[in-house]
């Protein structure tokens, strides 16, 4: 059940981001995911900062 909710959340976040920021927003979300999966938390943190900055300007 948790995996289904997580997948749905990822899908909805991707759709919302693409609607507001286009391809750049989706790429930043991809960088966050890559950083977390590769345990490179610095990359994930910087990508999250960029994502928040872009979302507040959109």
Protein backbone atom coordinates (compact mmCIF):
# COMPACT_ATOMS: atom_id res chain seq x y z
CA UNK A 1 0.00 0.00 0.00
CA UNK A 2 2.85 2.37 0.86
CA UNK A 3 4.50 1.80 -2.53
CA UNK A 4 1.28 2.60 -4.36
CA UNK A 5 0.82 5.84 -2.40
CA UNK A 6 4.46 6.77 -2.99
CA UNK A 7 4.15 6.12 -6.73
CA UNK A 8 0.98 8.19 -6.94
CA UNK A 9 2.61 11.01 -5.00
CA UNK A 10 5.62 11.01 -7.31
CA UNK A 11 3.36 11.08 -10.35
CA UNK A 12 1.27 13.97 -9.02
CA UNK A 13 4.34 15.97 -8.00
CA UNK A 14 5.84 15.44 -11.45
CA UNK A 15 2.63 16.60 -13.16
CA UNK A 16 2.39 19.69 -10.94
CA UNK A 17 6.03 20.55 -11.54
CA UNK A 18 5.77 20.09 -15.30
CA UNK A 19 2.68 22.29 -15.40
CA UNK A 20 4.46 25.13 -13.59
CA UNK A 21 8.09 24.82 -14.65
CA UNK A 22 8.17 22.65 -17.73
CA UNK A 23 11.06 20.34 -18.49
CA UNK A 24 13.53 22.17 -16.21
CA UNK A 25 11.44 21.42 -13.14
CA UNK A 26 11.18 17.75 -14.03
CA UNK A 27 14.98 17.58 -14.50
CA UNK A 28 15.54 19.17 -11.09
CA UNK A 29 13.20 16.60 -9.52
CA UNK A 30 15.17 13.89 -11.31
CA UNK A 31 18.39 15.25 -9.79
CA UNK A 32 16.83 15.09 -6.33
CA UNK A 33 15.87 11.46 -6.90
CA UNK A 34 19.29 10.55 -8.27
CA UNK A 35 21.01 12.26 -5.36
CA UNK A 36 18.91 10.41 -2.80
CA UNK A 37 19.27 6.99 -4.44
CA UNK A 38 23.03 7.39 -4.90
CA UNK A 39 23.34 8.65 -1.32
CA UNK A 40 24.81 11.91 -2.54
CA UNK A 41 22.89 14.12 -0.19
CA UNK A 42 24.76 17.26 -1.21
CA UNK A 43 23.47 16.91 -4.78
CA UNK A 44 19.96 16.22 -3.52
CA UNK A 45 20.06 19.18 -1.14
CA UNK A 46 21.25 21.64 -3.80
CA UNK A 47 18.69 20.34 -6.29
CA UNK A 48 15.97 20.75 -3.66
CA UNK A 49 17.05 24.35 -3.03
CA UNK A 50 16.92 25.08 -6.77
CA UNK A 51 13.51 23.39 -7.00
CA UNK A 52 12.07 25.49 -4.17
CA UNK A 53 13.54 28.67 -5.67
CA UNK A 54 12.01 27.87 -9.06
CA UNK A 55 8.62 26.98 -7.57
CA UNK A 56 8.42 30.24 -5.61
CA UNK A 57 9.19 32.29 -8.73
CA UNK A 58 6.70 30.47 -10.96
